[in-house]
N, C-alpha and C. Protein backbone atom coordinates (compact mmCIF):
# COMPACT_ATOMS: atom_id res chain seq x y z
N MET A 1 0.84 -1.18 0.00
CA MET A 1 0.00 0.00 0.01
C MET A 1 0.88 1.24 0.00
N THR A 2 0.61 2.12 -0.91
CA THR A 2 1.34 3.39 -1.02
C THR A 2 0.33 4.46 -1.37
N VAL A 3 0.46 5.62 -0.70
CA VAL A 3 -0.38 6.76 -1.02
C VAL A 3 0.53 7.93 -1.36
N ILE A 4 0.32 8.48 -2.55
CA ILE A 4 1.07 9.63 -3.02
C ILE A 4 0.10 10.78 -3.11
N THR A 5 0.37 11.86 -2.37
CA THR A 5 -0.50 13.02 -2.38
C THR A 5 0.23 14.19 -3.01
N VAL A 6 -0.31 14.71 -4.08
CA VAL A 6 0.27 15.82 -4.81
C VAL A 6 -0.51 17.09 -4.46
N ASN A 7 0.15 17.99 -3.75
CA ASN A 7 -0.46 19.27 -3.34
C ASN A 7 0.06 20.38 -4.24
N THR A 8 -0.84 21.07 -4.93
CA THR A 8 -0.44 22.15 -5.82
C THR A 8 -1.40 23.32 -5.63
N THR A 9 -1.03 24.43 -6.25
CA THR A 9 -1.96 25.55 -6.28
C THR A 9 -3.06 25.22 -7.29
N ALA A 10 -4.23 25.78 -7.06
CA ALA A 10 -5.39 25.51 -7.90
C ALA A 10 -5.08 25.84 -9.36
N GLY A 11 -5.43 24.89 -10.23
CA GLY A 11 -5.25 25.10 -11.67
C GLY A 11 -3.86 24.80 -12.17
N ARG A 12 -2.94 24.40 -11.30
CA ARG A 12 -1.55 24.14 -11.70
C ARG A 12 -1.47 22.96 -12.68
N LEU A 13 -2.26 21.93 -12.44
CA LEU A 13 -2.21 20.74 -13.29
C LEU A 13 -3.50 20.59 -14.07
N THR A 14 -3.36 20.24 -15.33
CA THR A 14 -4.53 19.96 -16.16
C THR A 14 -5.00 18.54 -15.90
N VAL A 15 -6.16 18.20 -16.40
CA VAL A 15 -6.66 16.83 -16.27
C VAL A 15 -5.70 15.85 -16.95
N GLU A 16 -5.17 16.21 -18.10
CA GLU A 16 -4.24 15.34 -18.80
C GLU A 16 -2.96 15.15 -17.99
N GLN A 17 -2.45 16.21 -17.38
CA GLN A 17 -1.26 16.07 -16.55
C GLN A 17 -1.55 15.16 -15.35
N ARG A 18 -2.73 15.28 -14.76
CA ARG A 18 -3.08 14.41 -13.63
C ARG A 18 -3.20 12.96 -14.09
N ARG A 19 -3.74 12.73 -15.28
CA ARG A 19 -3.82 11.35 -15.82
C ARG A 19 -2.41 10.77 -15.96
N THR A 20 -1.53 11.56 -16.54
CA THR A 20 -0.15 11.11 -16.71
C THR A 20 0.51 10.85 -15.37
N LEU A 21 0.36 11.79 -14.44
CA LEU A 21 1.00 11.65 -13.13
C LEU A 21 0.43 10.48 -12.35
N ALA A 22 -0.84 10.19 -12.48
CA ALA A 22 -1.41 9.04 -11.78
C ALA A 22 -0.65 7.78 -12.13
N ARG A 23 -0.26 7.65 -13.37
CA ARG A 23 0.47 6.47 -13.84
C ARG A 23 1.96 6.58 -13.51
N THR A 24 2.58 7.72 -13.85
CA THR A 24 4.04 7.83 -13.70
C THR A 24 4.49 7.94 -12.25
N LEU A 25 3.69 8.56 -11.41
CA LEU A 25 4.06 8.62 -9.99
C LEU A 25 3.89 7.25 -9.33
N THR A 26 2.87 6.51 -9.74
CA THR A 26 2.71 5.14 -9.26
C THR A 26 3.95 4.33 -9.62
N ASP A 27 4.37 4.41 -10.87
CA ASP A 27 5.54 3.65 -11.31
C ASP A 27 6.83 4.13 -10.64
N ALA A 28 6.89 5.43 -10.31
CA ALA A 28 8.09 5.97 -9.67
C ALA A 28 8.36 5.31 -8.32
N VAL A 29 7.31 4.89 -7.66
CA VAL A 29 7.46 4.22 -6.35
C VAL A 29 7.40 2.70 -6.51
N LEU A 30 6.50 2.23 -7.37
CA LEU A 30 6.27 0.79 -7.52
C LEU A 30 7.55 0.05 -7.90
N VAL A 31 8.27 0.53 -8.87
CA VAL A 31 9.43 -0.20 -9.37
C VAL A 31 10.51 -0.35 -8.29
N PRO A 32 10.92 0.73 -7.60
CA PRO A 32 11.91 0.54 -6.53
C PRO A 32 11.36 -0.28 -5.35
N GLU A 33 10.07 -0.15 -5.07
CA GLU A 33 9.50 -0.86 -3.92
C GLU A 33 9.51 -2.36 -4.10
N ILE A 34 9.07 -2.84 -5.27
CA ILE A 34 8.96 -4.28 -5.46
C ILE A 34 10.12 -4.86 -6.29
N GLY A 35 10.95 -3.98 -6.84
CA GLY A 35 12.12 -4.44 -7.59
C GLY A 35 11.89 -4.69 -9.06
N GLN A 36 10.69 -4.39 -9.55
CA GLN A 36 10.37 -4.62 -10.97
C GLN A 36 9.04 -3.94 -11.28
N PHE A 37 8.77 -3.78 -12.55
CA PHE A 37 7.43 -3.31 -12.93
C PHE A 37 6.52 -4.53 -13.01
N MET A 38 5.36 -4.42 -12.36
CA MET A 38 4.36 -5.46 -12.47
C MET A 38 2.98 -4.80 -12.41
N GLU A 39 2.25 -4.93 -13.48
CA GLU A 39 0.92 -4.30 -13.59
C GLU A 39 0.01 -4.68 -12.42
N ALA A 40 0.06 -5.92 -12.00
CA ALA A 40 -0.82 -6.38 -10.92
C ALA A 40 -0.58 -5.65 -9.61
N ALA A 41 0.60 -5.06 -9.44
CA ALA A 41 0.93 -4.37 -8.18
C ALA A 41 0.29 -2.99 -8.11
N ARG A 42 -0.17 -2.45 -9.23
CA ARG A 42 -0.76 -1.10 -9.24
C ARG A 42 -1.93 -0.95 -8.28
N VAL A 43 -2.65 -2.03 -7.99
CA VAL A 43 -3.83 -1.95 -7.15
C VAL A 43 -3.47 -1.45 -5.73
N GLY A 44 -2.22 -1.62 -5.33
CA GLY A 44 -1.79 -1.21 -4.00
C GLY A 44 -1.33 0.24 -3.91
N PHE A 45 -1.59 1.04 -4.96
CA PHE A 45 -1.11 2.42 -5.00
C PHE A 45 -2.29 3.37 -5.25
N GLN A 46 -2.30 4.46 -4.50
CA GLN A 46 -3.27 5.52 -4.72
C GLN A 46 -2.51 6.82 -4.92
N VAL A 47 -3.00 7.65 -5.84
CA VAL A 47 -2.48 9.01 -6.02
C VAL A 47 -3.63 9.97 -5.80
N HIS A 48 -3.42 10.92 -4.90
CA HIS A 48 -4.44 11.91 -4.58
C HIS A 48 -3.93 13.28 -5.02
N PHE A 49 -4.77 14.05 -5.65
CA PHE A 49 -4.43 15.41 -6.08
C PHE A 49 -5.22 16.38 -5.23
N VAL A 50 -4.52 17.29 -4.56
CA VAL A 50 -5.13 18.29 -3.70
C VAL A 50 -4.72 19.66 -4.21
N GLU A 51 -5.70 20.51 -4.46
CA GLU A 51 -5.42 21.87 -4.91
C GLU A 51 -5.78 22.88 -3.83
N ARG A 52 -4.96 23.90 -3.72
CA ARG A 52 -5.23 24.98 -2.78
C ARG A 52 -5.11 26.30 -3.53
N ALA A 53 -5.90 27.24 -3.11
CA ALA A 53 -5.79 28.58 -3.68
C ALA A 53 -4.39 29.12 -3.41
N ALA A 54 -3.88 29.93 -4.32
CA ALA A 54 -2.52 30.47 -4.19
C ALA A 54 -2.35 31.33 -2.95
N ASP A 55 -3.46 31.78 -2.36
CA ASP A 55 -3.34 32.55 -1.13
C ASP A 55 -3.47 31.66 0.11
N MET A 56 -3.40 30.33 -0.10
CA MET A 56 -3.48 29.38 1.01
C MET A 56 -2.16 28.63 1.23
N VAL A 57 -1.11 28.95 0.46
CA VAL A 57 0.21 28.35 0.64
C VAL A 57 1.27 29.45 0.54
N ALA A 58 2.36 29.23 1.27
CA ALA A 58 3.43 30.22 1.27
C ALA A 58 4.77 29.52 1.34
N ILE A 59 5.78 30.15 0.81
CA ILE A 59 7.18 29.74 0.97
C ILE A 59 7.94 30.95 1.48
N GLY A 60 8.71 30.73 2.52
CA GLY A 60 9.52 31.82 3.06
C GLY A 60 8.69 32.94 3.63
N GLY A 61 7.47 32.63 4.05
CA GLY A 61 6.62 33.65 4.64
C GLY A 61 5.88 34.52 3.64
N VAL A 62 5.95 34.14 2.36
CA VAL A 62 5.30 34.93 1.30
C VAL A 62 4.29 34.03 0.59
N LEU A 63 3.05 34.48 0.51
CA LEU A 63 2.02 33.72 -0.17
C LEU A 63 2.38 33.50 -1.65
N ALA A 64 2.04 32.33 -2.15
CA ALA A 64 2.26 32.05 -3.57
C ALA A 64 1.50 33.02 -4.44
N ALA A 65 0.36 33.51 -3.95
CA ALA A 65 -0.42 34.50 -4.70
C ALA A 65 0.38 35.79 -4.88
N ASP A 66 1.25 36.11 -3.94
CA ASP A 66 2.05 37.34 -4.01
C ASP A 66 3.37 37.12 -4.72
N SER A 67 3.94 35.92 -4.60
CA SER A 67 5.27 35.66 -5.17
C SER A 67 5.21 35.07 -6.57
N GLY A 68 4.09 34.40 -6.89
CA GLY A 68 3.99 33.72 -8.19
C GLY A 68 4.79 32.44 -8.25
N GLN A 69 5.31 31.97 -7.10
CA GLN A 69 6.11 30.75 -7.11
C GLN A 69 5.25 29.52 -7.39
N ASP A 70 5.85 28.56 -8.05
CA ASP A 70 5.22 27.30 -8.40
C ASP A 70 5.38 26.34 -7.21
N VAL A 71 4.47 26.42 -6.26
CA VAL A 71 4.56 25.65 -5.03
C VAL A 71 3.90 24.29 -5.22
N THR A 72 4.70 23.24 -5.01
CA THR A 72 4.19 21.87 -5.08
C THR A 72 4.81 21.07 -3.95
N HIS A 73 3.98 20.31 -3.26
CA HIS A 73 4.45 19.42 -2.22
C HIS A 73 3.89 18.04 -2.50
N ILE A 74 4.77 17.06 -2.57
CA ILE A 74 4.36 15.68 -2.83
C ILE A 74 4.71 14.85 -1.61
N ASP A 75 3.69 14.23 -1.02
CA ASP A 75 3.87 13.40 0.16
C ASP A 75 3.72 11.95 -0.26
N VAL A 76 4.72 11.14 0.06
CA VAL A 76 4.71 9.73 -0.27
C VAL A 76 4.68 8.94 1.03
N ALA A 77 3.61 8.19 1.25
CA ALA A 77 3.49 7.35 2.45
C ALA A 77 3.52 5.89 2.02
N VAL A 78 4.51 5.16 2.54
CA VAL A 78 4.72 3.77 2.14
C VAL A 78 4.71 2.87 3.37
N MET A 79 4.45 1.60 3.16
CA MET A 79 4.53 0.61 4.22
C MET A 79 5.99 0.42 4.61
N ASP A 80 6.23 0.17 5.90
CA ASP A 80 7.58 -0.06 6.37
C ASP A 80 8.18 -1.24 5.61
N ALA A 81 9.40 -1.08 5.13
CA ALA A 81 10.07 -2.12 4.35
C ALA A 81 11.56 -1.76 4.31
N ASP A 82 12.25 -2.24 3.31
CA ASP A 82 13.68 -1.93 3.13
C ASP A 82 13.78 -0.63 2.35
N TRP A 83 13.63 0.49 3.03
CA TRP A 83 13.71 1.79 2.38
C TRP A 83 15.03 2.44 2.77
N ASN A 84 16.14 1.81 2.37
CA ASN A 84 17.44 2.36 2.70
C ASN A 84 17.61 3.69 1.96
N PRO A 85 18.61 4.50 2.35
CA PRO A 85 18.78 5.83 1.74
C PRO A 85 18.88 5.81 0.20
N ASN A 86 19.50 4.79 -0.36
CA ASN A 86 19.63 4.73 -1.82
C ASN A 86 18.26 4.52 -2.48
N VAL A 87 17.44 3.66 -1.91
CA VAL A 87 16.10 3.42 -2.48
C VAL A 87 15.23 4.65 -2.32
N ARG A 88 15.29 5.30 -1.14
CA ARG A 88 14.53 6.54 -0.94
C ARG A 88 14.94 7.60 -1.95
N ALA A 89 16.24 7.76 -2.15
CA ALA A 89 16.72 8.75 -3.10
C ALA A 89 16.24 8.45 -4.51
N GLU A 90 16.25 7.17 -4.88
CA GLU A 90 15.76 6.78 -6.20
C GLU A 90 14.28 7.16 -6.36
N VAL A 91 13.48 6.87 -5.34
CA VAL A 91 12.05 7.18 -5.39
C VAL A 91 11.86 8.69 -5.53
N ILE A 92 12.53 9.47 -4.71
CA ILE A 92 12.36 10.92 -4.75
C ILE A 92 12.78 11.49 -6.11
N GLU A 93 13.90 11.03 -6.64
CA GLU A 93 14.36 11.49 -7.95
C GLU A 93 13.39 11.09 -9.05
N ARG A 94 12.84 9.88 -8.98
CA ARG A 94 11.88 9.42 -9.99
C ARG A 94 10.59 10.24 -9.92
N ILE A 95 10.16 10.57 -8.71
CA ILE A 95 8.95 11.40 -8.53
C ILE A 95 9.16 12.78 -9.13
N LEU A 96 10.26 13.40 -8.81
CA LEU A 96 10.53 14.74 -9.33
C LEU A 96 10.69 14.72 -10.85
N ALA A 97 11.31 13.69 -11.39
CA ALA A 97 11.44 13.57 -12.85
C ALA A 97 10.08 13.37 -13.52
N ALA A 98 9.22 12.56 -12.91
CA ALA A 98 7.88 12.35 -13.46
C ALA A 98 7.09 13.64 -13.45
N MET A 99 7.21 14.39 -12.38
CA MET A 99 6.50 15.67 -12.27
C MET A 99 7.02 16.65 -13.33
N ALA A 100 8.33 16.73 -13.49
CA ALA A 100 8.91 17.64 -14.49
C ALA A 100 8.45 17.27 -15.90
N GLU A 101 8.48 15.97 -16.21
CA GLU A 101 8.06 15.54 -17.54
C GLU A 101 6.59 15.86 -17.79
N ALA A 102 5.74 15.58 -16.80
CA ALA A 102 4.30 15.85 -16.97
C ALA A 102 4.03 17.35 -17.12
N CYS A 103 4.86 18.17 -16.48
CA CYS A 103 4.66 19.62 -16.53
C CYS A 103 5.42 20.27 -17.69
N GLY A 104 6.16 19.48 -18.46
CA GLY A 104 6.84 20.00 -19.64
C GLY A 104 8.03 20.90 -19.33
N VAL A 105 8.74 20.60 -18.23
CA VAL A 105 9.93 21.38 -17.89
C VAL A 105 11.13 20.44 -17.85
N ASP A 106 12.32 21.03 -18.07
CA ASP A 106 13.53 20.21 -18.09
C ASP A 106 13.96 19.74 -16.71
N VAL A 107 13.82 20.63 -15.74
CA VAL A 107 14.23 20.27 -14.38
C VAL A 107 13.14 20.68 -13.38
N PRO A 108 13.01 19.93 -12.30
CA PRO A 108 12.01 20.28 -11.30
C PRO A 108 12.33 21.63 -10.67
N ALA A 109 11.29 22.36 -10.34
CA ALA A 109 11.47 23.66 -9.68
C ALA A 109 12.00 23.44 -8.26
N PRO A 110 12.81 24.36 -7.76
CA PRO A 110 13.30 24.23 -6.38
C PRO A 110 12.17 24.35 -5.34
N THR A 111 11.01 24.78 -5.77
CA THR A 111 9.86 24.91 -4.87
C THR A 111 8.96 23.69 -4.92
N TRP A 112 9.40 22.63 -5.58
CA TRP A 112 8.71 21.34 -5.54
C TRP A 112 9.39 20.49 -4.49
N TRP A 113 8.69 20.16 -3.46
CA TRP A 113 9.27 19.40 -2.35
C TRP A 113 8.60 18.04 -2.26
N VAL A 114 9.39 17.05 -1.85
CA VAL A 114 8.90 15.69 -1.67
C VAL A 114 9.20 15.26 -0.23
N ASN A 115 8.20 14.76 0.45
CA ASN A 115 8.38 14.09 1.74
C ASN A 115 8.21 12.61 1.52
N PHE A 116 9.09 11.83 2.10
CA PHE A 116 9.02 10.37 2.01
C PHE A 116 8.80 9.86 3.44
N ARG A 117 7.67 9.23 3.67
CA ARG A 117 7.33 8.74 5.02
C ARG A 117 7.07 7.26 4.99
N THR A 118 7.60 6.55 5.97
CA THR A 118 7.27 5.15 6.14
C THR A 118 6.27 5.02 7.30
N ILE A 119 5.28 4.19 7.08
CA ILE A 119 4.26 3.93 8.09
C ILE A 119 4.65 2.62 8.79
N ASP A 120 4.74 2.66 10.09
CA ASP A 120 5.18 1.50 10.88
C ASP A 120 4.38 0.25 10.54
N GLU A 121 5.07 -0.89 10.58
CA GLU A 121 4.44 -2.19 10.41
C GLU A 121 3.26 -2.31 11.39
N GLY A 122 2.12 -2.74 10.88
CA GLY A 122 0.93 -2.86 11.70
C GLY A 122 0.08 -1.60 11.77
N SER A 123 0.48 -0.56 11.02
CA SER A 123 -0.24 0.71 11.08
C SER A 123 -0.99 1.04 9.80
N TRP A 124 -1.13 0.07 8.89
CA TRP A 124 -1.94 0.22 7.68
C TRP A 124 -3.20 -0.62 7.84
N GLY A 125 -4.29 -0.16 7.31
CA GLY A 125 -5.51 -0.95 7.31
C GLY A 125 -6.20 -0.91 5.98
N SER A 126 -6.82 -2.04 5.60
CA SER A 126 -7.54 -2.13 4.35
C SER A 126 -8.45 -3.35 4.42
N GLY A 127 -9.59 -3.27 3.78
CA GLY A 127 -10.47 -4.41 3.69
C GLY A 127 -10.97 -4.92 5.04
N GLY A 128 -11.08 -4.02 6.00
CA GLY A 128 -11.62 -4.40 7.30
C GLY A 128 -10.60 -4.89 8.31
N GLY A 129 -9.31 -4.78 7.99
CA GLY A 129 -8.30 -5.24 8.94
C GLY A 129 -6.95 -4.59 8.71
N VAL A 130 -5.98 -5.03 9.49
CA VAL A 130 -4.62 -4.53 9.38
C VAL A 130 -3.92 -5.26 8.23
N THR A 131 -3.18 -4.49 7.44
CA THR A 131 -2.45 -5.06 6.32
C THR A 131 -0.96 -5.01 6.64
N SER A 132 -0.27 -6.11 6.42
CA SER A 132 1.15 -6.20 6.67
C SER A 132 1.89 -6.41 5.36
N ILE A 133 3.00 -5.72 5.20
CA ILE A 133 3.80 -5.94 3.98
C ILE A 133 4.32 -7.37 3.97
N LEU A 134 4.52 -7.96 5.14
CA LEU A 134 5.01 -9.33 5.18
C LEU A 134 4.04 -10.29 4.51
N ASP A 135 2.73 -10.01 4.63
CA ASP A 135 1.73 -10.84 3.97
C ASP A 135 1.80 -10.70 2.45
N LEU A 136 2.26 -9.57 1.99
CA LEU A 136 2.31 -9.31 0.53
C LEU A 136 3.55 -9.91 -0.14
N LEU A 137 4.56 -10.23 0.66
CA LEU A 137 5.83 -10.70 0.08
C LEU A 137 5.69 -12.03 -0.65
N ASP A 138 4.74 -12.84 -0.25
CA ASP A 138 4.57 -14.16 -0.88
C ASP A 138 3.62 -14.16 -2.07
N THR A 139 3.21 -12.98 -2.53
CA THR A 139 2.27 -12.90 -3.64
C THR A 139 2.93 -13.10 -4.99
N GLY A 140 4.27 -13.04 -5.04
CA GLY A 140 4.97 -13.16 -6.30
C GLY A 140 5.18 -11.84 -7.01
N VAL A 141 4.72 -10.76 -6.42
CA VAL A 141 4.89 -9.43 -7.02
C VAL A 141 6.30 -8.91 -6.80
N PHE A 142 6.84 -9.14 -5.62
CA PHE A 142 8.19 -8.66 -5.28
C PHE A 142 9.22 -9.57 -5.91
N THR A 143 10.35 -8.98 -6.34
CA THR A 143 11.45 -9.83 -6.77
C THR A 143 11.98 -10.55 -5.55
N PRO A 144 12.61 -11.69 -5.72
CA PRO A 144 13.17 -12.39 -4.57
C PRO A 144 14.16 -11.52 -3.77
N GLU A 145 14.93 -10.70 -4.49
CA GLU A 145 15.90 -9.84 -3.83
C GLU A 145 15.22 -8.80 -2.94
N ARG A 146 14.15 -8.16 -3.47
CA ARG A 146 13.42 -7.18 -2.67
C ARG A 146 12.72 -7.84 -1.48
N ALA A 147 12.12 -9.00 -1.71
CA ALA A 147 11.45 -9.71 -0.63
C ALA A 147 12.44 -10.06 0.49
N ALA A 148 13.62 -10.52 0.12
CA ALA A 148 14.63 -10.88 1.11
C ALA A 148 15.08 -9.63 1.87
N ALA A 149 15.29 -8.52 1.15
CA ALA A 149 15.72 -7.28 1.81
C ALA A 149 14.66 -6.78 2.77
N ILE A 150 13.39 -6.89 2.41
CA ILE A 150 12.31 -6.44 3.27
C ILE A 150 12.21 -7.33 4.51
N HIS A 151 12.30 -8.64 4.30
CA HIS A 151 12.31 -9.57 5.46
C HIS A 151 13.44 -9.20 6.42
N ALA A 152 14.63 -8.97 5.87
CA ALA A 152 15.78 -8.64 6.72
C ALA A 152 15.57 -7.32 7.45
N ALA A 153 15.02 -6.32 6.75
CA ALA A 153 14.83 -5.01 7.36
C ALA A 153 13.80 -5.03 8.48
N LEU A 154 12.81 -5.90 8.39
CA LEU A 154 11.75 -5.95 9.40
C LEU A 154 11.97 -7.01 10.47
N SER A 155 13.09 -7.73 10.38
CA SER A 155 13.38 -8.78 11.38
C SER A 155 14.02 -8.19 12.61
């Protein structure tokens, strides 16, 4: 289970950009998380788009409505697993690259921020109960290497 929340100023993203980002942001996390692309794994990912008026966000104490800055905050919440610094960095870089591509810019703006959060084992719920990443490791979605790394990280 992964939830990616994209917070932007109102009107920043078109419907087409959101369609693209729904897919590319999912893949930006899915591939490093399970060690490969697998269509069946997409069901465990949600992307939420939240818009705020430009006078409802600020950077450096200045409202975006006054500064004109392109304020974007992307929050990634993942199940506890083997999220070592290299994997986290890969996810963050892939997210920023997907955002830049969808927005038609060469490089991400310095005002696009990404938070990467892990949710403790036993703190996710779905389908009427608690969901554990350990239960998902035997589904065949994870590569053997990723499954072993996750088992080791949570032992």
